[in-house]
């Protein structure tokens, strides 16, 4: 089974029944990843796989630390022998190091999982942070505001997302610029 088919099947098995809204979000994030094919080239299937898998750490079947990037990445590495690059993207998705710091898990995350290439990290931030909890498209500003409202500004997630906001917006901007350049290059002159 190819990487993306395997990723979809695994994510569905872990999220669709216990966490249907999280599953909808993951499908939306994967759809956003497909929209990045013009700038991802041969890394497009890798990004789509990471996108659909990025939140599996929320699954009650595998959650152990309560920090979903770490739980998801460990599960993918230890139980599924998933592609190492997918595992690294899941581990570090959407500025996870900052949230790990809030949770006292930064050293574990940094030690266990290397960062993937910056342009792929940006791409996954873009996909996650421009997708609503129900899988629709949004802006990064609206998405971050929704997260703060849902969790509360003084919670771990609320504090982390506010700290991460400048980097998230910058990453989204870089990806949007790459997409615009790719579209301009495709226009006939």
C-alpha atoms as a PDB file:
ATOM      1  CA  UNK A   1       0.000   0.000   0.000  1.00  0.00           C
ATOM      2  CA  UNK A   2       1.413   3.403  -0.910  1.00  0.00           C
ATOM      3  CA  UNK A   3       2.241   5.982   1.740  1.00  0.00           C
ATOM      4  CA  UNK A   4      -0.832   8.200   1.365  1.00  0.00           C
ATOM      5  CA  UNK A   5      -3.337   5.330   1.228  1.00  0.00           C
ATOM      6  CA  UNK A   6      -1.745   3.808   4.308  1.00  0.00           C
ATOM      7  CA  UNK A   7      -1.825   7.190   6.096  1.00  0.00           C
ATOM      8  CA  UNK A   8      -5.523   7.754   5.338  1.00  0.00           C
ATOM      9  CA  UNK A   9      -6.489   4.263   6.482  1.00  0.00           C
ATOM     10  CA  UNK A  10      -4.528   4.609   9.714  1.00  0.00           C
ATOM     11  CA  UNK A  11      -5.832   8.087  10.525  1.00  0.00           C
ATOM     12  CA  UNK A  12      -9.404   7.028   9.825  1.00  0.00           C
ATOM     13  CA  UNK A  13      -9.067   3.985  12.079  1.00  0.00           C
ATOM     14  CA  UNK A  14      -7.784   6.145  14.954  1.00  0.00           C
ATOM     15  CA  UNK A  15      -9.932   9.263  14.595  1.00  0.00           C
ATOM     16  CA  UNK A  16     -13.182   8.741  12.691  1.00  0.00           C
ATOM     17  CA  UNK A  17     -15.218   7.065  15.431  1.00  0.00           C
ATOM     18  CA  UNK A  18     -13.840   8.422  18.701  1.00  0.00           C
ATOM     19  CA  UNK A  19     -13.131  11.944  17.368  1.00  0.00           C
ATOM     20  CA  UNK A  20     -15.210  12.649  14.236  1.00  0.00           C
ATOM     21  CA  UNK A  21     -14.589  16.400  14.301  1.00  0.00           C
ATOM     22  CA  UNK A  22     -10.832  15.836  14.572  1.00  0.00           C
ATOM     23  CA  UNK A  23     -11.138  13.421  11.632  1.00  0.00           C
ATOM     24  CA  UNK A  24     -12.951  16.095   9.586  1.00  0.00           C
ATOM     25  CA  UNK A  25     -10.196  18.566  10.434  1.00  0.00           C
ATOM     26  CA  UNK A  26      -7.526  16.052   9.398  1.00  0.00           C
ATOM     27  CA  UNK A  27      -9.258  15.448   6.063  1.00  0.00           C
ATOM     28  CA  UNK A  28      -9.388  19.216   5.506  1.00  0.00           C
ATOM     29  CA  UNK A  29      -5.695  19.568   6.339  1.00  0.00           C
ATOM     30  CA  UNK A  30      -4.899  16.803   3.838  1.00  0.00           C
ATOM     31  CA  UNK A  31      -6.988  18.589   1.213  1.00  0.00           C
ATOM     32  CA  UNK A  32      -4.965  21.749   1.824  1.00  0.00           C
ATOM     33  CA  UNK A  33      -1.800  19.655   1.409  1.00  0.00           C
ATOM     34  CA  UNK A  34      -3.019  18.493  -2.008  1.00  0.00           C
ATOM     35  CA  UNK A  35      -3.444  22.146  -2.986  1.00  0.00           C
ATOM     36  CA  UNK A  36       0.305  22.626  -2.420  1.00  0.00           C
ATOM     37  CA  UNK A  37       1.361  20.155  -5.120  1.00  0.00           C
ATOM     38  CA  UNK A  38       2.586  22.975  -7.401  1.00  0.00           C
ATOM     39  CA  UNK A  39       5.215  23.993  -4.836  1.00  0.00           C
ATOM     40  CA  UNK A  40       5.950  20.618  -3.202  1.00  0.00           C
ATOM     41  CA  UNK A  41       6.843  18.562  -6.256  1.00  0.00           C
ATOM     42  CA  UNK A  42       7.973  15.077  -5.292  1.00  0.00           C
ATOM     43  CA  UNK A  43       7.308  15.811  -1.605  1.00  0.00           C
ATOM     44  CA  UNK A  44       3.552  16.204  -2.230  1.00  0.00           C
ATOM     45  CA  UNK A  45       2.621  12.618  -1.209  1.00  0.00           C
ATOM     46  CA  UNK A  46       4.777  12.911   1.913  1.00  0.00           C
ATOM     47  CA  UNK A  47       3.032  16.151   2.909  1.00  0.00           C
ATOM     48  CA  UNK A  48      -0.425  14.706   2.293  1.00  0.00           C
ATOM     49  CA  UNK A  49       0.417  11.691   4.471  1.00  0.00           C
ATOM     50  CA  UNK A  50       1.753  13.908   7.279  1.00  0.00           C
ATOM     51  CA  UNK A  51      -1.277  16.190   6.971  1.00  0.00           C
ATOM     52  CA  UNK A  52      -3.857  13.440   7.406  1.00  0.00           C
ATOM     53  CA  UNK A  53      -1.841  11.908  10.272  1.00  0.00           C
ATOM     54  CA  UNK A  54      -0.836  15.093  12.110  1.00  0.00           C
ATOM     55  CA  UNK A  55      -3.501  14.828  14.846  1.00  0.00           C
ATOM     56  CA  UNK A  56      -3.615  11.058  15.467  1.00  0.00           C
ATOM     57  CA  UNK A  57      -1.981  11.644  18.848  1.00  0.00           C
ATOM     58  CA  UNK A  58      -5.388  12.825  20.102  1.00  0.00           C
ATOM     59  CA  UNK A  59      -6.782   9.312  19.611  1.00  0.00           C
ATOM     60  CA  UNK A  60      -7.682   7.700  22.936  1.00  0.00           C
ATOM     61  CA  UNK A  61      -6.070   4.513  21.623  1.00  0.00           C
ATOM     62  CA  UNK A  62      -2.604   6.021  21.580  1.00  0.00           C
ATOM     63  CA  UNK A  63      -2.616   9.183  23.734  1.00  0.00           C
ATOM     64  CA  UNK A  64      -0.194   8.743  26.616  1.00  0.00           C
ATOM     65  CA  UNK A  65       1.555  12.034  27.465  1.00  0.00           C
ATOM     66  CA  UNK A  66      -1.405  14.234  26.565  1.00  0.00           C
ATOM     67  CA  UNK A  67       0.784  16.044  24.025  1.00  0.00           C
ATOM     68  CA  UNK A  68      -0.541  14.895  20.671  1.00  0.00           C
ATOM     69  CA  UNK A  69       2.473  15.639  18.423  1.00  0.00           C
ATOM     70  CA  UNK A  70       4.740  13.521  20.622  1.00  0.00           C
ATOM     71  CA  UNK A  71       2.189  10.736  21.150  1.00  0.00           C
ATOM     72  CA  UNK A  72       1.367  10.586  17.448  1.00  0.00           C
ATOM     73  CA  UNK A  73       4.989  10.582  16.325  1.00  0.00           C
ATOM     74  CA  UNK A  74       5.989   7.894  18.811  1.00  0.00           C
ATOM     75  CA  UNK A  75       3.098   5.705  17.695  1.00  0.00           C
ATOM     76  CA  UNK A  76       3.988   6.158  14.019  1.00  0.00           C
ATOM     77  CA  UNK A  77       7.640   5.344  14.677  1.00  0.00           C
ATOM     78  CA  UNK A  78       7.242   2.479  17.148  1.00  0.00           C
ATOM     79  CA  UNK A  79       3.994   0.775  16.134  1.00  0.00           C
ATOM     80  CA  UNK A  80       3.682   1.577  12.439  1.00  0.00           C
ATOM     81  CA  UNK A  81       7.290   1.951  11.222  1.00  0.00           C
ATOM     82  CA  UNK A  82       6.043   4.938   9.224  1.00  0.00           C
ATOM     83  CA  UNK A  83       8.319   6.893   6.907  1.00  0.00           C
ATOM     84  CA  UNK A  84      10.786   8.813   9.098  1.00  0.00           C
ATOM     85  CA  UNK A  85      10.063  12.134   7.401  1.00  0.00           C
ATOM     86  CA  UNK A  86       6.328  11.794   8.047  1.00  0.00           C
ATOM     87  CA  UNK A  87       7.100  10.982  11.686  1.00  0.00           C
ATOM     88  CA  UNK A  88       9.279  14.098  12.020  1.00  0.00           C
ATOM     89  CA  UNK A  89       6.601  16.301  10.456  1.00  0.00           C
ATOM     90  CA  UNK A  90       3.935  14.934  12.807  1.00  0.00           C
ATOM     91  CA  UNK A  91       6.253  15.404  15.796  1.00  0.00           C
ATOM     92  CA  UNK A  92       6.969  19.036  14.986  1.00  0.00           C
ATOM     93  CA  UNK A  93       3.769  20.186  13.318  1.00  0.00           C
ATOM     94  CA  UNK A  94       2.538  23.719  13.912  1.00  0.00           C
ATOM     95  CA  UNK A  95       5.325  24.965  16.195  1.00  0.00           C
ATOM     96  CA  UNK A  96       5.080  21.944  18.488  1.00  0.00           C
ATOM     97  CA  UNK A  97       8.376  22.801  20.204  1.00  0.00           C
ATOM     98  CA  UNK A  98       6.757  25.843  21.787  1.00  0.00           C
ATOM     99  CA  UNK A  99       3.841  23.817  23.107  1.00  0.00           C
ATOM    100  CA  UNK A 100       6.261  21.118  24.282  1.00  0.00           C
ATOM    101  CA  UNK A 101       8.076  23.815  26.241  1.00  0.00           C
ATOM    102  CA  UNK A 102       4.801  24.844  27.933  1.00  0.00           C
ATOM    103  CA  UNK A 103       4.279  21.199  28.878  1.00  0.00           C
ATOM    104  CA  UNK A 104       7.820  20.510  30.081  1.00  0.00           C
ATOM    105  CA  UNK A 105       8.408  18.138  27.143  1.00  0.00           C
ATOM    106  CA  UNK A 106      10.631  20.207  24.866  1.00  0.00           C
ATOM    107  CA  UNK A 107      13.806  18.241  25.587  1.00  0.00           C
ATOM    108  CA  UNK A 108      12.037  14.939  24.880  1.00  0.00           C
ATOM    109  CA  UNK A 109      10.635  16.187  21.585  1.00  0.00           C
ATOM    110  CA  UNK A 110      13.926  17.753  20.453  1.00  0.00           C
ATOM    111  CA  UNK A 111      15.971  14.712  21.466  1.00  0.00           C
ATOM    112  CA  UNK A 112      13.697  12.109  19.906  1.00  0.00           C
ATOM    113  CA  UNK A 113      12.738  13.814  16.655  1.00  0.00           C
ATOM    114  CA  UNK A 114      14.804  15.963  14.316  1.00  0.00           C
ATOM    115  CA  UNK A 115      13.171  18.833  12.493  1.00  0.00           C
ATOM    116  CA  UNK A 116      12.252  18.271   8.872  1.00  0.00           C
ATOM    117  CA  UNK A 117      13.288  20.721   6.130  1.00  0.00           C
ATOM    118  CA  UNK A 118      11.976  24.254   6.846  1.00  0.00           C
ATOM    119  CA  UNK A 119       9.880  24.507   3.681  1.00  0.00           C
ATOM    120  CA  UNK A 120       8.029  21.299   4.631  1.00  0.00           C
ATOM    121  CA  UNK A 121       7.548  22.489   8.208  1.00  0.00           C
ATOM    122  CA  UNK A 122       6.077  25.700   6.781  1.00  0.00           C
ATOM    123  CA  UNK A 123       3.817  23.747   4.434  1.00  0.00           C
ATOM    124  CA  UNK A 124       2.329  21.690   7.261  1.00  0.00           C
ATOM    125  CA  UNK A 125       1.840  24.807   9.391  1.00  0.00           C
ATOM    126  CA  UNK A 126       0.005  26.355   6.447  1.00  0.00           C
ATOM    127  CA  UNK A 127      -2.216  23.295   5.990  1.00  0.00           C
ATOM    128  CA  UNK A 128      -3.106  22.970   9.685  1.00  0.00           C
ATOM    129  CA  UNK A 129      -3.466  26.641  10.495  1.00  0.00           C
ATOM    130  CA  UNK A 130      -5.664  27.507   7.502  1.00  0.00           C
ATOM    131  CA  UNK A 131      -8.136  24.671   8.177  1.00  0.00           C
ATOM    132  CA  UNK A 132     -11.073  24.954  10.588  1.00  0.00           C
ATOM    133  CA  UNK A 133     -11.875  22.271  13.177  1.00  0.00           C
ATOM    134  CA  UNK A 134     -14.579  21.033  10.783  1.00  0.00           C
ATOM    135  CA  UNK A 135     -12.242  20.840   7.775  1.00  0.00           C
ATOM    136  CA  UNK A 136     -13.089  24.090   5.988  1.00  0.00           C
ATOM    137  CA  UNK A 137     -10.687  26.774   4.801  1.00  0.00           C
ATOM    138  CA  UNK A 138      -9.884  29.805   6.931  1.00  0.00           C
ATOM    139  CA  UNK A 139      -7.139  32.343   7.528  1.00  0.00           C
ATOM    140  CA  UNK A 140      -4.391  31.784  10.057  1.00  0.00           C
ATOM    141  CA  UNK A 141      -5.605  34.812  12.031  1.00  0.00           C
ATOM    142  CA  UNK A 142      -9.135  33.426  12.313  1.00  0.00           C
ATOM    143  CA  UNK A 143      -7.822  29.959  13.110  1.00  0.00           C
ATOM    144  CA  UNK A 144      -5.620  31.180  15.940  1.00  0.00           C
ATOM    145  CA  UNK A 145      -8.436  33.308  17.347  1.00  0.00           C
ATOM    146  CA  UNK A 146     -10.707  30.244  17.287  1.00  0.00           C
ATOM    147  CA  UNK A 147      -8.097  28.155  19.120  1.00  0.00           C
ATOM    148  CA  UNK A 148      -7.635  30.773  21.836  1.00  0.00           C
ATOM    149  CA  UNK A 149     -11.398  31.096  22.223  1.00  0.00           C
ATOM    150  CA  UNK A 150     -11.939  27.325  22.350  1.00  0.00           C
ATOM    151  CA  UNK A 151      -9.169  26.578  24.871  1.00  0.00           C
ATOM    152  CA  UNK A 152      -8.956  29.884  26.716  1.00  0.00           C
ATOM    153  CA  UNK A 153      -6.070  32.384  26.678  1.00  0.00           C
ATOM    154  CA  UNK A 154      -4.531  31.195  29.950  1.00  0.00           C
ATOM    155  CA  UNK A 155      -4.495  27.456  29.193  1.00  0.00           C
ATOM    156  CA  UNK A 156      -1.386  25.649  27.957  1.00  0.00           C
ATOM    157  CA  UNK A 157      -2.729  25.610  24.408  1.00  0.00           C
ATOM    158  CA  UNK A 158      -3.900  29.222  24.618  1.00  0.00           C
ATOM    159  CA  UNK A 159      -0.518  30.454  25.866  1.00  0.00           C
ATOM    160  CA  UNK A 160       1.397  28.384  23.333  1.00  0.00           C
ATOM    161  CA  UNK A 161      -0.663  29.464  20.328  1.00  0.00           C
ATOM    162  CA  UNK A 162      -0.319  33.126  21.264  1.00  0.00           C
ATOM    163  CA  UNK A 163       3.472  32.707  21.539  1.00  0.00           C
ATOM    164  CA  UNK A 164       3.566  30.802  18.240  1.00  0.00           C
ATOM    165  CA  UNK A 165       1.366  33.284  16.365  1.00  0.00           C
ATOM    166  CA  UNK A 166       4.187  35.326  14.763  1.00  0.00           C
ATOM    167  CA  UNK A 167       5.903  32.198  13.413  1.00  0.00           C
ATOM    168  CA  UNK A 168       2.615  30.651  12.278  1.00  0.00           C
ATOM    169  CA  UNK A 169       1.612  33.797  10.371  1.00  0.00           C
ATOM    170  CA  UNK A 170       5.104  34.080   8.885  1.00  0.00           C
ATOM    171  CA  UNK A 171       5.058  30.437   7.724  1.00  0.00           C
ATOM    172  CA  UNK A 172       1.603  30.859   6.186  1.00  0.00           C
ATOM    173  CA  UNK A 173       2.827  34.006   4.427  1.00  0.00           C
ATOM    174  CA  UNK A 174       5.881  32.214   3.019  1.00  0.00           C
ATOM    175  CA  UNK A 175       3.728  29.404   1.629  1.00  0.00           C
ATOM    176  CA  UNK A 176       1.196  31.843   0.171  1.00  0.00           C
ATOM    177  CA  UNK A 177       4.065  33.709  -1.534  1.00  0.00           C
ATOM    178  CA  UNK A 178       5.415  30.457  -2.986  1.00  0.00           C
ATOM    179  CA  UNK A 179       1.954  29.546  -4.285  1.00  0.00           C
ATOM    180  CA  UNK A 180       1.498  32.990  -5.841  1.00  0.00           C
ATOM    181  CA  UNK A 181       4.910  32.750  -7.527  1.00  0.00           C
ATOM    182  CA  UNK A 182       4.111  29.270  -8.855  1.00  0.00           C
ATOM    183  CA  UNK A 183       0.765  30.477 -10.200  1.00  0.00           C
ATOM    184  CA  UNK A 184       2.387  33.520 -11.819  1.00  0.00           C
ATOM    185  CA  UNK A 185       4.983  31.293 -13.465  1.00  0.00           C
ATOM    186  CA  UNK A 186       2.191  29.132 -14.915  1.00  0.00           C
ATOM    187  CA  UNK A 187       0.412  32.122 -16.510  1.00  0.00           C
ATOM    188  CA  UNK A 188       0.969  32.525 -20.240  1.00  0.00           C
ATOM    189  CA  UNK A 189       2.919  35.623 -21.191  1.00  0.00           C
END
